[in-house]
Amino acid sequence: MAREAGVSRVLSGGHYVSPSAAEAVSTAIRRTGYVVNRHARSLITGRSDSVGFLLTDPQERFSEDPDFNALLRGCTQALGAHDIPLLLMIAGTQAERRRIVRCITAGHVDGVLLVSSHSGDPVAEELRAAGVPLVACGKPTGLGAKVSHVAADDRDGARDMVRHLLSLGRRRGGMVTGPLDTPGGVERLAGYKEVLAEACIGSDERLLVSGDYSRASGEAGAERLPAGAPDMDDVFVASALMAPQGVLTALHRAGRRVPEDVAVGGFDDSQAAVSTSPGLTTIRQPWDRIGSERVRVLLAQVGGEDPATVILPTELVKRGSA
């Protein structure tokens, strides 16, 4: 079919093809129903024509946290527009990470969309050092501009939430943080402290408890807060997953009404935020756009461009909890 149009290099992504030749190929494709043989093309181009979505967390986190699924869906849709398949890779143990890094560096994917929750994860540096095109979700700690990353503005989102709680007249606020060895955990805590300092309130370390974005850690953190701060009148929870099933449950058990006694604000705006009564006031991350931007930046790298950083704005969504 390609010979019929006389420009077979169009199908392998060749350059310097005239518009008339490209149109001839398109016409022939429509007429014959031709489908590109990816394996044959990969032998010519040296590319796999696929991308890896690598999660370096235990598998149960993927099934528990709806944010991972939202991010995966956005990346899959964006790659689908380019007819590029996405391969899901989960490496929650050191042995799994070693195997998957070997697979990636052997050229079985053209690039990697990395989701890594914790700092000190060596995968990003190993892939970068091997020259693998890579885009992280969130800023990889310690690597900075060396690795492309796309993220929501965690600090500004946290500032918006705390300002909202202050606007309700709340002055004795606590926080259940995310993991403080993650960029999101650090940035959201920083935003919380900055706004309290602006309001000349200052953060009380007794009102800060750490979580790991899981339901269980949200509940455990909220149980510690009321015990140490019976006058607490609001709490900012660093993820939507921790807030509804964890924090709201613990406050109810302690006899604290939401929002009458304690206003509650979360982060992420996943399905969990709208499945409770009252609904959770939260910070919405643009997951679809995060996915599409990660794909755009990764494909640019595969095409030879330098690493890039994209920070996207968040949105305050008001519901009944605050």
Protein backbone atom coordinates (compact mmCIF):
# COMPACT_ATOMS: atom_id res chain seq x y z
CA MET A 1 0.00 0.00 0.00
CA ALA A 2 2.78 2.42 0.88
CA ARG A 3 4.44 1.73 -2.48
CA GLU A 4 1.13 2.55 -4.14
CA ALA A 5 1.45 6.08 -2.80
CA GLY A 6 5.20 6.15 -3.44
CA VAL A 7 6.15 7.51 -0.01
CA SER A 8 6.64 4.63 2.41
CA ARG A 9 8.71 6.79 4.76
CA VAL A 10 5.52 8.63 5.76
CA LEU A 11 4.40 5.57 7.70
CA SER A 12 7.64 5.40 9.67
CA GLY A 13 7.42 9.06 10.68
CA GLY A 14 9.90 10.33 8.11
CA HIS A 15 10.47 14.04 7.53
CA TYR A 16 10.66 16.11 4.33
CA VAL A 17 7.45 14.64 2.93
CA SER A 18 5.39 16.90 0.69
CA PRO A 19 1.76 17.62 1.62
CA SER A 20 0.57 15.97 -1.61
CA ALA A 21 2.49 12.78 -0.82
CA ALA A 22 1.15 12.68 2.74
CA GLU A 23 -2.39 13.10 1.44
CA ALA A 24 -1.85 10.29 -1.06
CA VAL A 25 -0.80 7.95 1.77
CA SER A 26 -3.83 8.94 3.83
CA THR A 27 -6.14 8.24 0.89
CA ALA A 28 -4.56 4.83 0.33
CA ILE A 29 -4.91 3.96 4.03
CA ARG A 30 -8.59 4.78 3.99
CA ARG A 31 -9.17 2.81 0.79
CA THR A 32 -7.30 -0.36 1.78
CA GLY A 33 -7.90 -0.42 5.55
CA TYR A 34 -4.16 -0.73 6.13
CA VAL A 35 -2.95 -1.15 9.73
CA VAL A 36 0.68 -0.44 10.62
CA ASN A 37 2.67 -3.47 11.79
CA ARG A 38 4.14 -2.09 15.01
CA HIS A 39 6.71 -4.83 15.38
CA ALA A 40 8.06 -4.29 11.88
CA ARG A 41 8.14 -0.53 12.36
CA SER A 42 9.98 -0.87 15.68
CA LEU A 43 12.73 -2.79 13.92
CA ILE A 44 13.20 0.17 11.59
CA THR A 45 12.80 3.05 14.04
CA GLY A 46 14.42 1.44 17.09
CA ARG A 47 11.40 2.39 19.18
CA SER A 48 8.81 0.23 20.92
CA ASP A 49 5.93 2.64 20.27
CA SER A 50 4.72 2.13 23.85
CA VAL A 51 5.02 3.97 27.17
CA GLY A 52 5.30 2.64 30.72
CA PHE A 53 3.23 3.89 33.65
CA LEU A 54 5.41 2.97 36.63
CA LEU A 55 4.07 3.02 40.18
CA THR A 56 6.75 2.41 42.82
CA ASP A 57 4.31 1.77 45.66
CA PRO A 58 2.80 -1.45 46.99
CA GLN A 59 0.01 -2.79 44.81
CA GLU A 60 -2.64 -2.26 47.48
CA ARG A 61 -2.09 1.50 47.26
CA PHE A 62 -3.12 1.39 43.62
CA SER A 63 -6.39 -0.36 44.45
CA GLU A 64 -7.14 1.83 47.50
CA ASP A 65 -6.31 5.34 46.29
CA PRO A 66 -8.65 6.66 43.56
CA ASP A 67 -6.11 9.35 42.63
CA PHE A 68 -3.88 6.73 41.03
CA ASN A 69 -6.75 5.52 38.88
CA ALA A 70 -7.67 9.06 37.86
CA LEU A 71 -4.08 9.74 36.87
CA LEU A 72 -3.80 6.47 34.95
CA ARG A 73 -7.04 7.20 33.09
CA GLY A 74 -5.85 10.67 32.05
CA CYS A 75 -2.54 9.33 30.75
CA THR A 76 -4.22 6.47 28.89
CA GLN A 77 -6.64 8.82 27.16
CA ALA A 78 -3.90 11.25 26.16
CA LEU A 79 -1.73 8.46 24.72
CA GLY A 80 -4.74 7.00 22.94
CA ALA A 81 -4.95 10.15 20.86
CA HIS A 82 -1.48 9.24 19.56
CA ASP A 83 -2.35 5.53 19.15
CA ILE A 84 0.32 4.63 21.74
CA PRO A 85 -0.41 1.83 24.24
CA LEU A 86 0.31 2.32 27.95
CA LEU A 87 1.89 -0.51 29.95
CA LEU A 88 1.09 -0.52 33.69
CA MET A 89 4.09 -1.45 35.85
CA ILE A 90 3.84 -1.80 39.62
CA ALA A 91 7.09 -2.13 41.56
CA GLY A 92 6.41 -2.09 45.28
CA THR A 93 9.49 -4.06 46.36
CA GLN A 94 13.19 -3.71 45.72
CA ALA A 95 13.27 -6.91 43.67
CA GLU A 96 10.37 -5.73 41.51
CA ARG A 97 12.06 -2.38 40.93
CA ARG A 98 15.27 -4.08 39.79
CA ARG A 99 13.40 -6.28 37.31
CA ILE A 100 11.34 -3.44 35.90
CA VAL A 101 14.33 -1.09 35.56
CA ARG A 102 16.13 -3.81 33.58
CA CYS A 103 13.07 -4.18 31.34
CA ILE A 104 12.80 -0.42 30.76
CA THR A 105 16.48 0.17 30.09
CA ALA A 106 16.46 -2.74 27.60
CA GLY A 107 14.18 -0.60 25.43
CA HIS A 108 10.84 -2.33 25.93
CA VAL A 109 9.17 1.09 26.31
CA ASP A 110 10.12 4.44 24.79
CA GLY A 111 9.62 6.40 28.00
CA VAL A 112 8.19 6.26 31.50
CA LEU A 113 5.45 8.11 33.37
CA LEU A 114 6.63 7.68 36.96
CA VAL A 115 4.47 7.83 40.08
CA SER A 116 6.68 7.61 43.16
CA SER A 117 5.31 8.59 46.55
CA HIS A 118 8.47 8.86 48.61
CA SER A 119 11.80 10.61 48.42
CA GLY A 120 14.89 8.46 48.28
CA ASP A 121 13.31 6.24 45.62
CA PRO A 122 16.30 5.40 43.37
CA VAL A 123 14.25 4.56 40.28
CA ALA A 124 14.04 8.12 38.94
CA GLU A 125 17.80 8.61 39.17
CA GLU A 126 18.53 5.18 37.66
CA LEU A 127 16.28 5.82 34.68
CA ARG A 128 17.59 9.36 34.23
CA ALA A 129 21.19 8.14 34.32
CA ALA A 130 20.33 5.50 31.72
CA GLY A 131 18.96 8.18 29.39
CA VAL A 132 15.37 6.93 29.53
CA PRO A 133 12.81 9.68 28.76
CA LEU A 134 11.01 10.20 32.05
CA VAL A 135 8.27 12.38 33.52
CA ALA A 136 7.47 12.23 37.22
CA CYS A 137 4.17 13.07 38.87
CA GLY A 138 5.28 15.71 41.35
CA LYS A 139 8.79 17.04 41.83
CA PRO A 140 11.30 14.24 42.49
CA THR A 141 13.11 15.19 45.68
CA GLY A 142 16.78 15.93 45.12
CA LEU A 143 16.68 15.79 41.32
CA GLY A 144 14.95 19.10 40.56
CA ALA A 145 15.20 20.23 36.96
CA LYS A 146 17.16 17.11 35.97
CA VAL A 147 13.88 15.18 35.68
CA SER A 148 10.75 16.39 33.93
CA HIS A 149 7.77 16.61 36.25
CA VAL A 150 4.15 17.71 36.15
CA ALA A 151 2.25 18.56 39.32
CA ALA A 152 -0.60 20.53 40.78
CA ASP A 153 0.37 23.55 42.86
CA ASP A 154 0.18 21.84 46.26
CA ARG A 155 1.36 24.83 48.27
CA ASP A 156 -1.04 27.30 46.68
CA GLY A 157 -3.92 24.84 47.02
CA ALA A 158 -3.20 24.45 50.73
CA ARG A 159 -3.08 28.23 51.12
CA ASP A 160 -6.50 28.54 49.47
CA MET A 161 -7.99 25.97 51.83
CA VAL A 162 -6.58 27.52 55.01
CA ARG A 163 -7.68 31.00 53.94
CA HIS A 164 -11.17 29.62 53.39
CA LEU A 165 -11.25 28.09 56.87
CA LEU A 166 -10.09 31.38 58.38
CA SER A 167 -12.81 33.22 56.46
CA LEU A 168 -15.36 31.12 58.34
CA GLY A 169 -14.08 32.57 61.62
CA ARG A 170 -12.09 29.48 62.60
CA ARG A 171 -8.95 30.27 64.54
CA ARG A 172 -7.91 27.02 66.22
CA GLY A 173 -7.08 24.76 63.31
CA GLY A 174 -5.28 21.44 63.12
CA MET A 175 -3.84 19.50 60.21
CA VAL A 176 -3.41 15.86 59.27
CA THR A 177 -0.43 16.07 56.92
CA GLY A 178 0.62 13.81 54.10
CA PRO A 179 3.91 11.90 54.30
CA LEU A 180 6.63 14.43 54.95
CA ASP A 181 9.10 12.57 52.75
CA THR A 182 6.97 13.43 49.71
CA PRO A 183 6.86 16.72 47.77
CA GLY A 184 3.07 16.97 48.17
CA GLY A 185 3.23 16.38 51.91
CA VAL A 186 5.92 19.02 52.37
CA GLU A 187 4.30 21.63 50.11
CA ARG A 188 0.80 21.31 51.62
CA LEU A 189 2.17 21.68 55.15
CA ALA A 190 4.19 24.72 54.06
CA GLY A 191 1.08 26.37 52.60
CA TYR A 192 -0.85 25.71 55.82
CA LYS A 193 1.88 27.31 57.96
CA GLU A 194 2.35 30.29 55.65
CA VAL A 195 -1.30 31.38 55.83
CA LEU A 196 -1.45 30.99 59.60
CA ALA A 197 1.67 33.14 59.86
CA GLU A 198 0.09 35.77 57.58
CA ALA A 199 -2.92 35.83 59.92
CA CYS A 200 -0.57 36.25 62.92
CA ILE A 201 -1.84 33.01 64.38
CA GLY A 202 1.09 30.69 63.95
CA SER A 203 0.92 26.93 63.83
CA ASP A 204 0.68 24.91 67.04
CA GLU A 205 2.77 21.76 66.70
CA ARG A 206 0.31 19.97 68.99
CA LEU A 207 -2.30 20.41 66.25
CA LEU A 208 -0.16 18.72 63.59
CA VAL A 209 -0.26 14.97 63.09
CA SER A 210 1.19 13.04 60.18
CA GLY A 211 -0.59 10.64 57.87
CA ASP A 212 0.32 8.59 54.83
CA TYR A 213 -2.72 9.36 52.64
CA SER A 214 -4.46 6.15 53.76
CA ARG A 215 -7.90 5.94 55.40
CA ALA A 216 -6.40 4.36 58.52
CA SER A 217 -3.86 7.12 59.03
CA GLY A 218 -6.56 9.78 58.67
CA GLU A 219 -8.66 8.16 61.36
CA ALA A 220 -5.70 7.66 63.70
CA GLY A 221 -4.54 11.25 63.21
CA ALA A 222 -7.97 12.74 63.88
CA GLU A 223 -8.34 10.69 67.07
CA ARG A 224 -5.12 12.22 68.36
CA LEU A 225 -6.17 15.77 67.47
CA PRO A 226 -9.39 16.06 69.53
CA ALA A 227 -7.71 14.40 72.49
CA GLY A 228 -4.95 17.02 72.52
CA ALA A 229 -7.04 19.99 71.40
CA PRO A 230 -10.65 19.97 72.65
CA ASP A 231 -11.01 23.58 71.43
CA MET A 232 -9.94 22.76 67.86
CA ASP A 233 -12.51 24.28 65.48
CA ASP A 234 -11.19 23.20 62.07
CA VAL A 235 -8.89 20.62 60.53
CA PHE A 236 -7.19 20.59 57.15
CA VAL A 237 -6.62 17.06 55.88
CA ALA A 238 -3.95 16.63 53.22
CA SER A 239 -5.94 14.17 51.08
CA ALA A 240 -9.56 13.41 50.31
CA LEU A 241 -8.98 9.73 51.04
CA MET A 242 -7.92 10.40 54.63
CA ALA A 243 -10.71 12.88 55.33
CA PRO A 244 -14.10 11.20 54.74
CA GLN A 245 -13.46 7.63 55.84
CA GLY A 246 -10.86 8.57 58.43
CA VAL A 247 -11.13 12.03 59.93
CA LEU A 248 -14.92 12.43 59.75
CA THR A 249 -15.38 9.02 61.38
CA ALA A 250 -13.01 9.88 64.22
CA LEU A 251 -14.61 13.28 64.85
CA HIS A 252 -18.08 11.70 64.95
CA ARG A 253 -16.83 9.12 67.45
CA ALA A 254 -15.46 11.93 69.61
CA GLY A 255 -18.86 13.66 69.62
CA ARG A 256 -17.66 16.56 67.44
CA ARG A 257 -20.18 17.79 64.83
CA VAL A 258 -19.08 18.73 61.32
CA PRO A 259 -19.15 21.61 60.45
CA GLU A 260 -20.85 23.04 63.58
CA ASP A 261 -18.02 22.14 65.99
CA VAL A 262 -15.20 21.40 63.56
CA ALA A 263 -14.95 22.52 59.93
CA VAL A 264 -13.10 20.00 57.75
CA GLY A 265 -11.23 20.68 54.52
CA GLY A 266 -9.50 18.10 52.34
CA PHE A 267 -7.31 17.86 49.27
CA ASP A 268 -7.68 15.99 45.91
CA ASP A 269 -11.48 16.00 45.40
CA SER A 270 -11.71 12.30 44.58
CA GLN A 271 -14.99 10.37 44.62
CA ALA A 272 -14.55 9.94 48.37
CA ALA A 273 -15.14 13.68 48.82
CA VAL A 274 -18.74 13.49 47.57
CA SER A 275 -19.68 10.15 49.14
CA THR A 276 -20.00 11.44 52.71
CA SER A 277 -22.53 13.47 54.66
CA PRO A 278 -21.76 16.32 54.73
CA GLY A 279 -19.86 16.46 51.45
CA LEU A 280 -16.20 17.38 51.81
CA THR A 281 -14.92 20.87 51.01
CA THR A 282 -11.69 20.17 49.19
CA ILE A 283 -9.00 21.25 46.76
CA ARG A 284 -9.48 19.85 43.27
CA GLN A 285 -6.49 18.74 41.28
CA PRO A 286 -6.91 18.76 37.46
CA TRP A 287 -6.17 15.06 37.01
CA ASP A 288 -7.09 14.87 33.32
CA ARG A 289 -4.88 17.83 32.51
CA ILE A 290 -2.06 16.46 34.65
CA GLY A 291 -2.26 13.26 32.60
CA SER A 292 -2.33 15.00 29.24
CA GLU A 293 0.54 17.33 30.17
CA ARG A 294 2.66 14.41 31.37
CA VAL A 295 2.12 12.66 28.06
CA ARG A 296 2.90 15.83 26.09
CA VAL A 297 6.14 16.43 27.99
CA LEU A 298 7.18 12.78 27.71
CA LEU A 299 6.59 12.54 23.96
CA ALA A 300 8.56 15.76 23.51
CA GLN A 301 11.47 14.12 25.34
CA VAL A 302 11.18 10.98 23.22
CA GLY A 303 11.45 13.33 20.25
CA GLY A 304 14.69 14.81 21.59
CA GLU A 305 13.60 17.84 23.64
CA ASP A 306 15.06 18.75 27.05
CA PRO A 307 13.32 18.03 30.40
CA ALA A 308 10.50 20.41 31.32
CA THR A 309 8.43 21.29 34.38
CA VAL A 310 4.70 22.05 34.43
CA ILE A 311 2.88 23.29 37.54
CA LEU A 312 -0.91 23.45 37.24
CA PRO A 313 -3.39 25.47 39.32
CA THR A 314 -5.85 23.89 41.75
CA GLU A 315 -9.44 24.84 42.58
CA LEU A 316 -11.26 25.24 45.89
CA VAL A 317 -14.54 23.26 45.89
CA LYS A 318 -16.95 24.21 48.69
CA ARG A 319 -19.31 21.66 50.17
CA GLY A 320 -21.01 21.09 53.51
CA SER A 321 -18.02 20.21 55.69
CA ALA A 322 -16.62 23.78 55.73
